[in-house]
C-alpha atoms as a PDB file:
ATOM      1  CA  MET A   1       2.492 -21.064  28.943  1.00  0.00           C
ATOM      2  CA  GLU A   2       0.729 -18.620  26.648  1.00  0.00           C
ATOM      3  CA  ASP A   3       1.068 -18.984  22.912  1.00  0.00           C
ATOM      4  CA  ILE A   4       1.711 -15.638  21.200  1.00  0.00           C
ATOM      5  CA  GLU A   5       2.155 -15.540  17.444  1.00  0.00           C
ATOM      6  CA  GLU A   6       3.076 -12.218  15.831  1.00  0.00           C
ATOM      7  CA  LEU A   7       2.700 -11.641  12.116  1.00  0.00           C
ATOM      8  CA  GLN A   8       3.936  -8.503  10.381  1.00  0.00           C
ATOM      9  CA  GLU A   9       2.561  -7.447   7.028  1.00  0.00           C
ATOM     10  CA  GLU A  10       5.002  -7.119   4.137  1.00  0.00           C
ATOM     11  CA  SER A  11       4.520  -3.361   4.123  1.00  0.00           C
ATOM     12  CA  GLY A  12       5.648  -3.153   7.761  1.00  0.00           C
ATOM     13  CA  LEU A  13       2.555  -1.117   8.615  1.00  0.00           C
ATOM     14  CA  TYR A  14       0.521  -3.692  10.533  1.00  0.00           C
ATOM     15  CA  GLU A  15       1.210  -6.163  13.301  1.00  0.00           C
ATOM     16  CA  HIS A  16      -1.241  -9.014  13.659  1.00  0.00           C
ATOM     17  CA  HIS A  17      -1.012 -10.806  17.007  1.00  0.00           C
ATOM     18  CA  ARG A  18      -2.691 -14.106  17.842  1.00  0.00           C
ATOM     19  CA  ILE A  19      -2.713 -15.037  21.514  1.00  0.00           C
ATOM     20  CA  THR A  20      -4.028 -18.175  23.211  1.00  0.00           C
ATOM     21  CA  VAL A  21      -4.830 -17.372  26.846  1.00  0.00           C
ATOM     22  CA  ASP A  22      -3.246 -19.553  29.545  1.00  0.00           C
ATOM     23  CA  ARG A  23      -5.417 -22.162  31.311  1.00  0.00           C
ATOM     24  CA  GLY A  24      -4.850 -20.505  34.683  1.00  0.00           C
ATOM     25  CA  GLN A  25      -5.645 -16.933  33.621  1.00  0.00           C
ATOM     26  CA  GLU A  26      -8.157 -15.123  35.847  1.00  0.00           C
ATOM     27  CA  GLN A  27     -10.888 -13.065  34.195  1.00  0.00           C
ATOM     28  CA  LEU A  28      -9.577  -9.618  33.266  1.00  0.00           C
ATOM     29  CA  ARG A  29     -10.626  -6.807  30.923  1.00  0.00           C
ATOM     30  CA  ILE A  30      -9.123  -7.522  27.542  1.00  0.00           C
ATOM     31  CA  ASP A  31      -7.561  -4.053  27.178  1.00  0.00           C
ATOM     32  CA  LYS A  32      -5.684  -4.509  30.488  1.00  0.00           C
ATOM     33  CA  TYR A  33      -4.720  -8.064  29.567  1.00  0.00           C
ATOM     34  CA  LEU A  34      -3.351  -7.112  26.149  1.00  0.00           C
ATOM     35  CA  GLN A  35      -1.436  -4.174  27.582  1.00  0.00           C
ATOM     36  CA  MET A  36       0.370  -6.649  29.842  1.00  0.00           C
ATOM     37  CA  ARG A  37       1.039  -9.114  27.033  1.00  0.00           C
ATOM     38  CA  LEU A  38       2.106  -6.706  24.254  1.00  0.00           C
ATOM     39  CA  GLU A  39       5.297  -4.871  25.058  1.00  0.00           C
ATOM     40  CA  GLY A  40       5.335  -1.163  24.270  1.00  0.00           C
ATOM     41  CA  VAL A  41       1.654  -0.972  23.238  1.00  0.00           C
ATOM     42  CA  SER A  42      -0.422   1.634  25.093  1.00  0.00           C
ATOM     43  CA  ARG A  43      -3.868   0.944  26.486  1.00  0.00           C
ATOM     44  CA  ASN A  44      -5.217   3.810  24.344  1.00  0.00           C
ATOM     45  CA  LYS A  45      -3.964   2.075  21.204  1.00  0.00           C
ATOM     46  CA  ILE A  46      -5.565  -1.191  22.280  1.00  0.00           C
ATOM     47  CA  GLN A  47      -8.864   0.568  23.019  1.00  0.00           C
ATOM     48  CA  ALA A  48      -8.735   2.293  19.620  1.00  0.00           C
ATOM     49  CA  ALA A  49      -8.208  -1.111  17.994  1.00  0.00           C
ATOM     50  CA  ALA A  50     -11.215  -2.512  19.864  1.00  0.00           C
ATOM     51  CA  LYS A  51     -13.396   0.440  18.844  1.00  0.00           C
ATOM     52  CA  ALA A  52     -12.447  -0.153  15.188  1.00  0.00           C
ATOM     53  CA  GLY A  53     -13.338  -3.842  15.358  1.00  0.00           C
ATOM     54  CA  CYS A  54      -9.706  -4.975  15.291  1.00  0.00           C
ATOM     55  CA  ILE A  55      -9.947  -7.319  18.320  1.00  0.00           C
ATOM     56  CA  VAL A  56     -11.487 -10.732  17.703  1.00  0.00           C
ATOM     57  CA  VAL A  57     -11.930 -13.402  20.392  1.00  0.00           C
ATOM     58  CA  ASN A  58     -12.860 -16.934  19.350  1.00  0.00           C
ATOM     59  CA  GLY A  59     -14.037 -15.587  15.997  1.00  0.00           C
ATOM     60  CA  ARG A  60     -16.188 -12.772  17.423  1.00  0.00           C
ATOM     61  CA  THR A  61     -15.405  -9.053  17.537  1.00  0.00           C
ATOM     62  CA  GLU A  62     -15.169  -7.827  21.132  1.00  0.00           C
ATOM     63  CA  LYS A  63     -14.882  -4.443  22.861  1.00  0.00           C
ATOM     64  CA  SER A  64     -12.412  -3.226  25.492  1.00  0.00           C
ATOM     65  CA  ASN A  65     -14.530  -4.373  28.453  1.00  0.00           C
ATOM     66  CA  TYR A  66     -14.634  -8.023  27.365  1.00  0.00           C
ATOM     67  CA  LYS A  67     -13.301 -10.309  30.146  1.00  0.00           C
ATOM     68  CA  VAL A  68     -10.713 -12.776  28.912  1.00  0.00           C
ATOM     69  CA  LYS A  69     -11.161 -16.427  29.885  1.00  0.00           C
ATOM     70  CA  PRO A  70      -8.789 -19.411  29.907  1.00  0.00           C
ATOM     71  CA  LEU A  71      -7.999 -20.751  26.410  1.00  0.00           C
ATOM     72  CA  ASP A  72      -9.556 -17.768  24.631  1.00  0.00           C
ATOM     73  CA  VAL A  73      -7.967 -17.266  21.211  1.00  0.00           C
ATOM     74  CA  ILE A  74      -7.417 -13.537  20.707  1.00  0.00           C
ATOM     75  CA  SER A  75      -6.547 -11.858  17.409  1.00  0.00           C
ATOM     76  CA  ILE A  76      -5.605  -8.167  17.392  1.00  0.00           C
ATOM     77  CA  LEU A  77      -4.537  -6.005  14.467  1.00  0.00           C
ATOM     78  CA  LEU A  78      -2.311  -3.061  15.406  1.00  0.00           C
ATOM     79  CA  PRO A  79      -1.311  -0.457  12.804  1.00  0.00           C
ATOM     80  CA  GLU A  80       2.142   1.026  12.334  1.00  0.00           C
ATOM     81  CA  PRO A  81       4.691  -0.815  14.518  1.00  0.00           C
ATOM     82  CA  PRO A  82       7.134   1.431  16.423  1.00  0.00           C
ATOM     83  CA  HIS A  83      10.036   2.913  14.444  1.00  0.00           C
ATOM     84  CA  ASN A  84      13.646   3.127  15.558  1.00  0.00           C
ATOM     85  CA  PHE A  85      14.123   6.765  14.600  1.00  0.00           C
ATOM     86  CA  GLU A  86      12.556  10.111  15.380  1.00  0.00           C
ATOM     87  CA  LEU A  87      10.234  11.676  12.827  1.00  0.00           C
ATOM     88  CA  LEU A  88      10.654  15.463  12.634  1.00  0.00           C
ATOM     89  CA  PRO A  89       8.433  18.110  10.978  1.00  0.00           C
ATOM     90  CA  GLU A  90       9.768  19.668   7.774  1.00  0.00           C
ATOM     91  CA  PRO A  91       8.158  22.098   5.282  1.00  0.00           C
ATOM     92  CA  VAL A  92       7.757  19.601   2.430  1.00  0.00           C
ATOM     93  CA  PRO A  93       5.396  20.728  -0.378  1.00  0.00           C
ATOM     94  CA  LEU A  94       2.289  18.503  -0.401  1.00  0.00           C
ATOM     95  CA  ASN A  95      -0.923  18.344  -2.426  1.00  0.00           C
ATOM     96  CA  ILE A  96      -3.588  17.637   0.215  1.00  0.00           C
ATOM     97  CA  ILE A  97      -6.897  17.224  -1.611  1.00  0.00           C
ATOM     98  CA  TYR A  98      -9.112  16.423   1.408  1.00  0.00           C
ATOM     99  CA  GLU A  99      -8.872  16.910   5.163  1.00  0.00           C
ATOM    100  CA  ASP A 100     -11.133  16.715   8.217  1.00  0.00           C
ATOM    101  CA  ASP A 101     -10.532  15.989  11.902  1.00  0.00           C
ATOM    102  CA  GLN A 102     -10.007  12.239  11.270  1.00  0.00           C
ATOM    103  CA  VAL A 103      -8.255  11.774   7.924  1.00  0.00           C
ATOM    104  CA  LEU A 104      -6.482  13.546   5.126  1.00  0.00           C
ATOM    105  CA  VAL A 105      -5.883  12.453   1.547  1.00  0.00           C
ATOM    106  CA  VAL A 106      -2.654  13.314  -0.268  1.00  0.00           C
ATOM    107  CA  ASP A 107      -2.127  13.290  -4.020  1.00  0.00           C
ATOM    108  CA  LYS A 108       1.584  12.414  -3.918  1.00  0.00           C
ATOM    109  CA  GLN A 109       3.961  13.541  -6.623  1.00  0.00           C
ATOM    110  CA  ALA A 110       6.465  11.088  -8.105  1.00  0.00           C
ATOM    111  CA  GLY A 111       9.882  11.282  -6.450  1.00  0.00           C
ATOM    112  CA  LEU A 112       8.528  11.863  -2.939  1.00  0.00           C
ATOM    113  CA  VAL A 113       9.300   9.156  -0.361  1.00  0.00           C
ATOM    114  CA  VAL A 114       6.291   8.384   1.837  1.00  0.00           C
ATOM    115  CA  HIS A 115       8.052   7.590   5.129  1.00  0.00           C
ATOM    116  CA  PRO A 116      11.641   7.810   6.392  1.00  0.00           C
ATOM    117  CA  GLY A 117      13.739   4.693   6.015  1.00  0.00           C
ATOM    118  CA  VAL A 118      17.263   3.610   5.174  1.00  0.00           C
ATOM    119  CA  GLY A 119      18.763   6.230   2.885  1.00  0.00           C
ATOM    120  CA  ASN A 120      15.769   8.579   3.212  1.00  0.00           C
ATOM    121  CA  TYR A 121      15.620   9.990   6.733  1.00  0.00           C
ATOM    122  CA  THR A 122      14.297  13.463   5.875  1.00  0.00           C
ATOM    123  CA  GLY A 123      12.203  15.261   3.283  1.00  0.00           C
ATOM    124  CA  THR A 124       9.474  12.600   3.183  1.00  0.00           C
ATOM    125  CA  MET A 125       5.711  12.973   2.942  1.00  0.00           C
ATOM    126  CA  MET A 126       5.339  12.146   6.631  1.00  0.00           C
ATOM    127  CA  ASN A 127       7.883  14.828   7.587  1.00  0.00           C
ATOM    128  CA  GLY A 128       5.760  17.274   5.608  1.00  0.00           C
ATOM    129  CA  LEU A 129       2.518  16.119   7.225  1.00  0.00           C
ATOM    130  CA  LEU A 130       3.989  16.567  10.710  1.00  0.00           C
ATOM    131  CA  TYR A 131       4.796  20.146   9.725  1.00  0.00           C
ATOM    132  CA  HIS A 132       1.317  20.618   8.246  1.00  0.00           C
ATOM    133  CA  CYS A 133      -0.373  19.340  11.435  1.00  0.00           C
ATOM    134  CA  ALA A 134       1.966  21.134  13.860  1.00  0.00           C
ATOM    135  CA  ASP A 135      -0.664  23.664  15.035  1.00  0.00           C
ATOM    136  CA  GLN A 136      -3.609  21.256  15.092  1.00  0.00           C
ATOM    137  CA  THR A 137      -5.144  19.685  18.206  1.00  0.00           C
ATOM    138  CA  ASP A 138      -7.720  16.932  18.610  1.00  0.00           C
ATOM    139  CA  ALA A 139     -11.022  16.998  20.513  1.00  0.00           C
ATOM    140  CA  GLU A 140      -9.166  16.513  23.787  1.00  0.00           C
ATOM    141  CA  GLY A 141      -6.687  19.296  23.091  1.00  0.00           C
ATOM    142  CA  GLN A 142      -3.803  16.935  22.292  1.00  0.00           C
ATOM    143  CA  PRO A 143      -1.461  17.576  19.323  1.00  0.00           C
ATOM    144  CA  VAL A 144      -2.543  15.884  16.086  1.00  0.00           C
ATOM    145  CA  VAL A 145      -0.019  13.298  14.887  1.00  0.00           C
ATOM    146  CA  PRO A 146      -0.458  12.014  11.287  1.00  0.00           C
ATOM    147  CA  ARG A 147      -0.478   8.221  11.158  1.00  0.00           C
ATOM    148  CA  LEU A 148       0.418   6.168   8.104  1.00  0.00           C
ATOM    149  CA  VAL A 149      -2.071   3.561   6.861  1.00  0.00           C
ATOM    150  CA  HIS A 150      -0.547   2.428   3.541  1.00  0.00           C
ATOM    151  CA  ARG A 151       2.299   3.319   1.201  1.00  0.00           C
ATOM    152  CA  ILE A 152       3.037   3.763  -2.478  1.00  0.00           C
ATOM    153  CA  ASP A 153       6.542   3.675  -3.937  1.00  0.00           C
ATOM    154  CA  LYS A 154       8.721   6.772  -4.179  1.00  0.00           C
ATOM    155  CA  ASP A 155       8.403   7.003  -7.966  1.00  0.00           C
ATOM    156  CA  THR A 156       4.707   6.100  -8.082  1.00  0.00           C
ATOM    157  CA  SER A 157       2.350   9.065  -8.118  1.00  0.00           C
ATOM    158  CA  GLY A 158      -1.165   9.270  -6.732  1.00  0.00           C
ATOM    159  CA  LEU A 159      -3.460   8.926  -3.739  1.00  0.00           C
ATOM    160  CA  LEU A 160      -2.852   7.974  -0.110  1.00  0.00           C
ATOM    161  CA  VAL A 161      -5.071   8.339   2.948  1.00  0.00           C
ATOM    162  CA  VAL A 162      -3.459   9.257   6.272  1.00  0.00           C
ATOM    163  CA  ALA A 163      -5.129   9.013   9.699  1.00  0.00           C
ATOM    164  CA  LYS A 164      -5.110  11.878  12.213  1.00  0.00           C
ATOM    165  CA  THR A 165      -6.264   9.885  15.275  1.00  0.00           C
ATOM    166  CA  GLU A 166      -5.546   6.438  16.708  1.00  0.00           C
ATOM    167  CA  GLU A 167      -9.189   5.457  16.167  1.00  0.00           C
ATOM    168  CA  ALA A 168      -9.086   6.477  12.505  1.00  0.00           C
ATOM    169  CA  GLN A 169      -5.799   4.658  11.993  1.00  0.00           C
ATOM    170  CA  ALA A 170      -7.165   1.456  13.505  1.00  0.00           C
ATOM    171  CA  SER A 171     -10.337   1.641  11.395  1.00  0.00           C
ATOM    172  CA  LEU A 172      -8.438   2.261   8.154  1.00  0.00           C
ATOM    173  CA  ALA A 173      -5.833  -0.387   9.016  1.00  0.00           C
ATOM    174  CA  ARG A 174      -8.608  -2.952   9.376  1.00  0.00           C
ATOM    175  CA  GLN A 175     -10.020  -2.004   5.966  1.00  0.00           C
ATOM    176  CA  PHE A 176      -6.638  -2.289   4.254  1.00  0.00           C
ATOM    177  CA  PHE A 177      -5.818  -5.511   6.103  1.00  0.00           C
ATOM    178  CA  GLU A 178      -9.160  -7.046   5.110  1.00  0.00           C
ATOM    179  CA  HIS A 179      -8.848  -5.624   1.550  1.00  0.00           C
ATOM    180  CA  SER A 180     -12.219  -3.861   1.776  1.00  0.00           C
ATOM    181  CA  SER A 181     -10.780  -0.517   0.639  1.00  0.00           C
ATOM    182  CA  GLU A 182     -10.881   0.458  -3.056  1.00  0.00           C
ATOM    183  CA  ARG A 183      -7.587   0.971  -4.888  1.00  0.00           C
ATOM    184  CA  LYS A 184      -7.207   1.328  -8.641  1.00  0.00           C
ATOM    185  CA  TYR A 185      -4.027   2.163 -10.539  1.00  0.00           C
ATOM    186  CA  ARG A 186      -3.171   3.168 -14.089  1.00  0.00           C
ATOM    187  CA  ALA A 187      -0.082   1.486 -15.516  1.00  0.00           C
ATOM    188  CA  LEU A 188       1.645   1.680 -18.893  1.00  0.00           C
ATOM    189  CA  VAL A 189       3.282  -1.662 -19.586  1.00  0.00           C
ATOM    190  CA  TRP A 190       5.378  -3.265 -22.300  1.00  0.00           C
ATOM    191  CA  GLY A 191       3.617  -5.524 -24.789  1.00  0.00           C
ATOM    192  CA  ASP A 192       0.045  -6.232 -25.886  1.00  0.00           C
ATOM    193  CA  PHE A 193      -2.506  -8.530 -24.243  1.00  0.00           C
ATOM    194  CA  ASP A 194      -4.529 -11.305 -25.874  1.00  0.00           C
ATOM    195  CA  GLU A 195      -7.470 -10.646 -23.543  1.00  0.00           C
ATOM    196  CA  ASP A 196      -9.053  -7.412 -22.316  1.00  0.00           C
ATOM    197  CA  HIS A 197      -8.827  -8.405 -18.670  1.00  0.00           C
ATOM    198  CA  GLY A 198      -7.165 -10.931 -16.397  1.00  0.00           C
ATOM    199  CA  THR A 199      -6.041 -11.839 -12.890  1.00  0.00           C
ATOM    200  CA  ILE A 200      -2.531 -12.492 -11.631  1.00  0.00           C
ATOM    201  CA  VAL A 201      -2.152 -14.724  -8.571  1.00  0.00           C
ATOM    202  CA  GLY A 202       1.249 -15.437  -7.114  1.00  0.00           C
ATOM    203  CA  ASN A 203       3.162 -15.250  -3.852  1.00  0.00           C
ATOM    204  CA  ILE A 204       5.394 -12.183  -3.618  1.00  0.00           C
ATOM    205  CA  GLY A 205       8.646 -12.106  -1.662  1.00  0.00           C
ATOM    206  CA  ARG A 206      12.048 -10.489  -1.842  1.00  0.00           C
ATOM    207  CA  SER A 207      14.400 -11.713  -4.547  1.00  0.00           C
ATOM    208  CA  ALA A 208      17.248 -13.882  -3.316  1.00  0.00           C
ATOM    209  CA  LYS A 209      19.515 -12.248  -5.918  1.00  0.00           C
ATOM    210  CA  ASP A 210      18.576  -8.610  -5.287  1.00  0.00           C
ATOM    211  CA  ARG A 211      16.855  -7.631  -2.026  1.00  0.00           C
ATOM    212  CA  ARG A 212      15.712  -4.335  -3.551  1.00  0.00           C
ATOM    213  CA  VAL A 213      13.169  -6.053  -5.801  1.00  0.00           C
ATOM    214  CA  MET A 214      10.392  -8.569  -5.348  1.00  0.00           C
ATOM    215  CA  CYS A 215       9.826 -11.902  -7.086  1.00  0.00           C
ATOM    216  CA  VAL A 216       6.811 -14.127  -7.642  1.00  0.00           C
ATOM    217  CA  TYR A 217       7.152 -17.577  -6.099  1.00  0.00           C
ATOM    218  CA  PRO A 218       5.007 -20.679  -6.704  1.00  0.00           C
ATOM    219  CA  THR A 219       2.670 -21.870  -3.956  1.00  0.00           C
ATOM    220  CA  ASP A 220       3.545 -25.227  -2.409  1.00  0.00           C
ATOM    221  CA  PRO A 221       0.231 -26.943  -1.563  1.00  0.00           C
ATOM    222  CA  SER A 222       2.009 -29.244   0.889  1.00  0.00           C
ATOM    223  CA  LEU A 223       3.062 -26.343   3.145  1.00  0.00           C
ATOM    224  CA  PRO A 224       0.952 -24.177   5.504  1.00  0.00           C
ATOM    225  CA  ASP A 225       0.647 -20.454   4.762  1.00  0.00           C
ATOM    226  CA  ASP A 226       3.277 -19.395   7.291  1.00  0.00           C
ATOM    227  CA  GLN A 227       5.874 -21.636   5.611  1.00  0.00           C
ATOM    228  CA  GLN A 228       5.232 -20.554   2.023  1.00  0.00           C
ATOM    229  CA  ARG A 229       7.872 -18.608   0.157  1.00  0.00           C
ATOM    230  CA  GLY A 230       6.530 -15.076  -0.240  1.00  0.00           C
ATOM    231  CA  LYS A 231       3.017 -13.892   0.622  1.00  0.00           C
ATOM    232  CA  HIS A 232      -0.240 -14.478  -1.223  1.00  0.00           C
ATOM    233  CA  ALA A 233      -1.037 -11.664  -3.671  1.00  0.00           C
ATOM    234  CA  VAL A 234      -3.787 -11.034  -6.230  1.00  0.00           C
ATOM    235  CA  THR A 235      -3.845  -8.328  -8.931  1.00  0.00           C
ATOM    236  CA  HIS A 236      -6.711  -7.834 -11.410  1.00  0.00           C
ATOM    237  CA  TYR A 237      -6.138  -5.865 -14.615  1.00  0.00           C
ATOM    238  CA  ASN A 238      -8.235  -4.422 -17.443  1.00  0.00           C
ATOM    239  CA  VAL A 239      -6.970  -3.066 -20.757  1.00  0.00           C
ATOM    240  CA  VAL A 240      -7.752   0.657 -21.125  1.00  0.00           C
ATOM    241  CA  GLU A 241      -5.924   1.554 -24.344  1.00  0.00           C
ATOM    242  CA  ARG A 242      -3.707  -0.377 -26.747  1.00  0.00           C
ATOM    243  CA  PHE A 243      -0.728   1.172 -28.556  1.00  0.00           C
ATOM    244  CA  GLY A 244       0.758  -1.978 -30.080  1.00  0.00           C
ATOM    245  CA  TYR A 245       4.127  -2.212 -28.377  1.00  0.00           C
ATOM    246  CA  VAL A 246       2.830  -0.876 -25.043  1.00  0.00           C
ATOM    247  CA  THR A 247      -0.585  -0.997 -23.329  1.00  0.00           C
ATOM    248  CA  LEU A 248      -2.348   1.226 -20.812  1.00  0.00           C
ATOM    249  CA  ILE A 249      -4.106  -0.883 -18.187  1.00  0.00           C
ATOM    250  CA  GLU A 250      -6.053  -0.423 -14.970  1.00  0.00           C
ATOM    251  CA  CYS A 251      -4.921  -2.522 -11.997  1.00  0.00           C
ATOM    252  CA  VAL A 252      -7.141  -3.366  -9.045  1.00  0.00           C
ATOM    253  CA  LEU A 253      -5.420  -4.641  -5.917  1.00  0.00           C
ATOM    254  CA  GLU A 254      -7.010  -7.431  -3.923  1.00  0.00           C
ATOM    255  CA  THR A 255      -3.961  -7.549  -1.651  1.00  0.00           C
ATOM    256  CA  GLY A 256      -1.320  -4.919  -0.889  1.00  0.00           C
ATOM    257  CA  ARG A 257       2.176  -6.376  -1.046  1.00  0.00           C
ATOM    258  CA  THR A 258       5.368  -4.415  -1.584  1.00  0.00           C
ATOM    259  CA  HIS A 259       5.902  -3.736  -5.354  1.00  0.00           C
ATOM    260  CA  GLN A 260       2.867  -5.959  -6.042  1.00  0.00           C
ATOM    261  CA  ILE A 261       1.868  -4.487  -9.408  1.00  0.00           C
ATOM    262  CA  ARG A 262       5.465  -4.129 -10.570  1.00  0.00           C
ATOM    263  CA  ALA A 263       6.409  -7.710  -9.636  1.00  0.00           C
ATOM    264  CA  HIS A 264       3.193  -9.339 -10.877  1.00  0.00           C
ATOM    265  CA  LEU A 265       3.269  -7.640 -14.286  1.00  0.00           C
ATOM    266  CA  THR A 266       6.960  -8.434 -14.744  1.00  0.00           C
ATOM    267  CA  HIS A 267       6.164 -12.048 -13.888  1.00  0.00           C
ATOM    268  CA  ILE A 268       3.655 -12.328 -16.773  1.00  0.00           C
ATOM    269  CA  GLY A 269       6.017 -10.624 -19.224  1.00  0.00           C
ATOM    270  CA  HIS A 270       4.652  -7.054 -19.100  1.00  0.00           C
ATOM    271  CA  PRO A 271       7.055  -4.897 -17.037  1.00  0.00           C
ATOM    272  CA  LEU A 272       6.030  -1.319 -16.351  1.00  0.00           C
ATOM    273  CA  PHE A 273       7.273   1.140 -18.940  1.00  0.00           C
ATOM    274  CA  SER A 274      10.433   2.954 -17.742  1.00  0.00           C
ATOM    275  CA  ASP A 275      10.708   0.849 -14.562  1.00  0.00           C
ATOM    276  CA  ALA A 276      14.478   0.577 -14.088  1.00  0.00           C
ATOM    277  CA  ALA A 277      14.295  -1.842 -11.140  1.00  0.00           C
ATOM    278  CA  TYR A 278      12.315  -4.413 -13.152  1.00  0.00           C
ATOM    279  CA  GLY A 279      13.878  -3.975 -16.584  1.00  0.00           C
ATOM    280  CA  GLY A 280      11.200  -1.749 -18.059  1.00  0.00           C
ATOM    281  CA  ASN A 281      13.702   0.981 -18.940  1.00  0.00           C
ATOM    282  CA  GLU A 282      14.944  -1.125 -21.873  1.00  0.00           C
ATOM    283  CA  ILE A 283      13.265  -1.402 -25.279  1.00  0.00           C
ATOM    284  CA  LEU A 284      11.434  -4.695 -24.790  1.00  0.00           C
ATOM    285  CA  LYS A 285       9.000  -4.569 -27.728  1.00  0.00           C
ATOM    286  CA  GLY A 286       9.134  -3.006 -31.173  1.00  0.00           C
ATOM    287  CA  THR A 287      11.425  -2.612 -34.135  1.00  0.00           C
ATOM    288  CA  THR A 288      15.185  -2.230 -34.288  1.00  0.00           C
ATOM    289  CA  PHE A 289      15.040   0.943 -36.402  1.00  0.00           C
ATOM    290  CA  SER A 290      16.972   3.883 -35.004  1.00  0.00           C
ATOM    291  CA  LYS A 291      13.940   6.177 -35.424  1.00  0.00           C
ATOM    292  CA  TYR A 292      11.855   3.964 -33.136  1.00  0.00           C
ATOM    293  CA  ARG A 293      14.720   3.653 -30.668  1.00  0.00           C
ATOM    294  CA  GLN A 294      14.981   7.442 -30.496  1.00  0.00           C
ATOM    295  CA  PHE A 295      11.222   7.727 -29.991  1.00  0.00           C
ATOM    296  CA  VAL A 296      11.294   5.357 -27.000  1.00  0.00           C
ATOM    297  CA  GLU A 297      14.356   7.088 -25.524  1.00  0.00           C
ATOM    298  CA  ASN A 298      12.464  10.387 -25.744  1.00  0.00           C
ATOM    299  CA  CYS A 299       9.588   8.787 -23.836  1.00  0.00           C
ATOM    300  CA  PHE A 300      11.980   7.546 -21.158  1.00  0.00           C
ATOM    301  CA  ALA A 301      13.381  11.075 -20.868  1.00  0.00           C
ATOM    302  CA  LEU A 302       9.869  12.502 -20.429  1.00  0.00           C
ATOM    303  CA  MET A 303       9.068   9.975 -17.694  1.00  0.00           C
ATOM    304  CA  PRO A 304      12.274   8.706 -16.042  1.00  0.00           C
ATOM    305  CA  ARG A 305      10.344   6.571 -13.521  1.00  0.00           C
ATOM    306  CA  GLN A 306       7.896   3.672 -13.602  1.00  0.00           C
ATOM    307  CA  ALA A 307       4.615   4.489 -15.371  1.00  0.00           C
ATOM    308  CA  LEU A 308       2.353   3.807 -12.405  1.00  0.00           C
ATOM    309  CA  HIS A 309      -0.269   6.101 -10.877  1.00  0.00           C
ATOM    310  CA  ALA A 310      -2.573   5.460  -7.884  1.00  0.00           C
ATOM    311  CA  MET A 311      -5.666   6.917  -9.531  1.00  0.00           C
ATOM    312  CA  ILE A 312      -8.649   5.882  -7.389  1.00  0.00           C
ATOM    313  CA  LEU A 313      -8.932   5.469  -3.622  1.00  0.00           C
ATOM    314  CA  GLY A 314     -12.059   4.582  -1.667  1.00  0.00           C
ATOM    315  CA  PHE A 315     -12.706   3.663   1.955  1.00  0.00           C
ATOM    316  CA  GLU A 316     -15.320   3.843   4.703  1.00  0.00           C
ATOM    317  CA  HIS A 317     -14.858   7.022   6.749  1.00  0.00           C
ATOM    318  CA  PRO A 318     -13.774   6.017  10.285  1.00  0.00           C
ATOM    319  CA  THR A 319     -16.430   8.068  12.130  1.00  0.00           C
ATOM    320  CA  THR A 320     -19.233   8.896   9.665  1.00  0.00           C
ATOM    321  CA  HIS A 321     -19.054   5.392   8.117  1.00  0.00           C
ATOM    322  CA  THR A 322     -19.925   6.870   4.726  1.00  0.00           C
ATOM    323  CA  THR A 323     -18.176   5.550   1.627  1.00  0.00           C
ATOM    324  CA  THR A 324     -15.630   8.067   0.395  1.00  0.00           C
ATOM    325  CA  HIS A 325     -14.186   8.081  -3.110  1.00  0.00           C
ATOM    326  CA  PHE A 326     -11.304  10.093  -4.541  1.00  0.00           C
ATOM    327  CA  GLU A 327      -9.802  10.286  -8.032  1.00  0.00           C
ATOM    328  CA  SER A 328      -6.470  11.749  -9.125  1.00  0.00           C
ATOM    329  CA  PRO A 329      -5.792  12.799 -12.726  1.00  0.00           C
ATOM    330  CA  LEU A 330      -2.722  11.324 -14.372  1.00  0.00           C
ATOM    331  CA  SER A 331       0.435  13.316 -13.727  1.00  0.00           C
ATOM    332  CA  ALA A 332       1.836  15.580 -16.459  1.00  0.00           C
ATOM    333  CA  ASP A 333       4.734  13.251 -17.312  1.00  0.00           C
ATOM    334  CA  PHE A 334       2.390  10.274 -17.643  1.00  0.00           C
ATOM    335  CA  GLU A 335       0.006  12.225 -19.896  1.00  0.00           C
ATOM    336  CA  ALA A 336       2.914  13.430 -22.046  1.00  0.00           C
ATOM    337  CA  VAL A 337       4.148   9.881 -22.646  1.00  0.00           C
ATOM    338  CA  LEU A 338       0.626   8.666 -23.462  1.00  0.00           C
ATOM    339  CA  ALA A 339       0.222  11.493 -25.982  1.00  0.00           C
ATOM    340  CA  LYS A 340       3.435  10.453 -27.741  1.00  0.00           C
ATOM    341  CA  TRP A 341       2.349   6.798 -27.900  1.00  0.00           C
ATOM    342  CA  ARG A 342      -1.093   7.776 -29.235  1.00  0.00           C
ATOM    343  CA  THR A 343       0.545   9.762 -32.027  1.00  0.00           C
ATOM    344  CA  TYR A 344       3.001   6.926 -32.781  1.00  0.00           C
ATOM    345  CA  ALA A 345       0.228   4.299 -32.832  1.00  0.00           C
ATOM    346  CA  ALA A 346      -1.963   6.448 -35.095  1.00  0.00           C
ATOM    347  CA  GLN A 347       0.891   6.976 -37.563  1.00  0.00           C
ATOM    348  CA  SER A 348       1.728   3.254 -37.545  1.00  0.00           C
ATOM    349  CA  ARG A 349      -1.860   2.363 -38.457  1.00  0.00           C
ATOM    350  CA  LYS A 350      -1.711   4.696 -41.469  1.00  0.00           C
ATOM    351  CA  GLU A 351       1.517   3.166 -42.825  1.00  0.00           C
END
């Protein structure tokens, strides 16, 4: 009996299958074999995964024409599992800062949901991209379908890359899965830091008390990875600017878990400024004077969402294999709040 283990990433965007081939299996092309073993997965998608280096047999990357043998251990990464609802094109305003025949890069505004889900079935970024690509065709004359590679939260602003072909999606999925892509965020957080930089390591999983938020759980060295509570996550941070009661930092993701930055920073006592889900919309640092309270409330009003911006995105282009790099300026609301804190900090130093 074949052993098939399926792992799904926390983001829901990748499926990672591990298959041990049966002892009695005859030699067969791996793309045909996997099409038989993986329900609902097309041969084209499997071939695209192979072309992108997403099929590994016994520790070696193999192409579509590899012949499977008894007891081979196959690992295949497939992007974007099937969804249970239809995605329809809608004229959603989007800021597309780069586009070619393989990828496009969106500078997403805060408040825009990336992909339909429970409670948000229409008006998402992906609805808008379907509308944007409606008249486009690929090299074979087939309609272009935008394909999601990663997500950022609804109220986080900044950069995302979207694939326009199966091959590009598989290539980018491998980079995000292996954490070889470049992602840097700007975050305004409560409190000051003793050091200028640091690293947060901690498993992230859904809170047992509130499924809408994530928690950091300790690692149990006695348990294997698949039995740990939450999933391994690593966030590096560097202090950019200090304001006393709040600090502007840069976050670099080594992994890409749901709410990773928000959960990790809350865990070490520095919730994102104005982040209602994680308690950052309360006055957590500072004086009790009414003047200060009014100042912070004015900042919350300027930026009624978490102070998080996906500022830098880099990846290897799927076909040219050149390193691409994009930067997004801070959004207007973020800049406005920083300006107020700079003025407040400068006045405090004079007093």
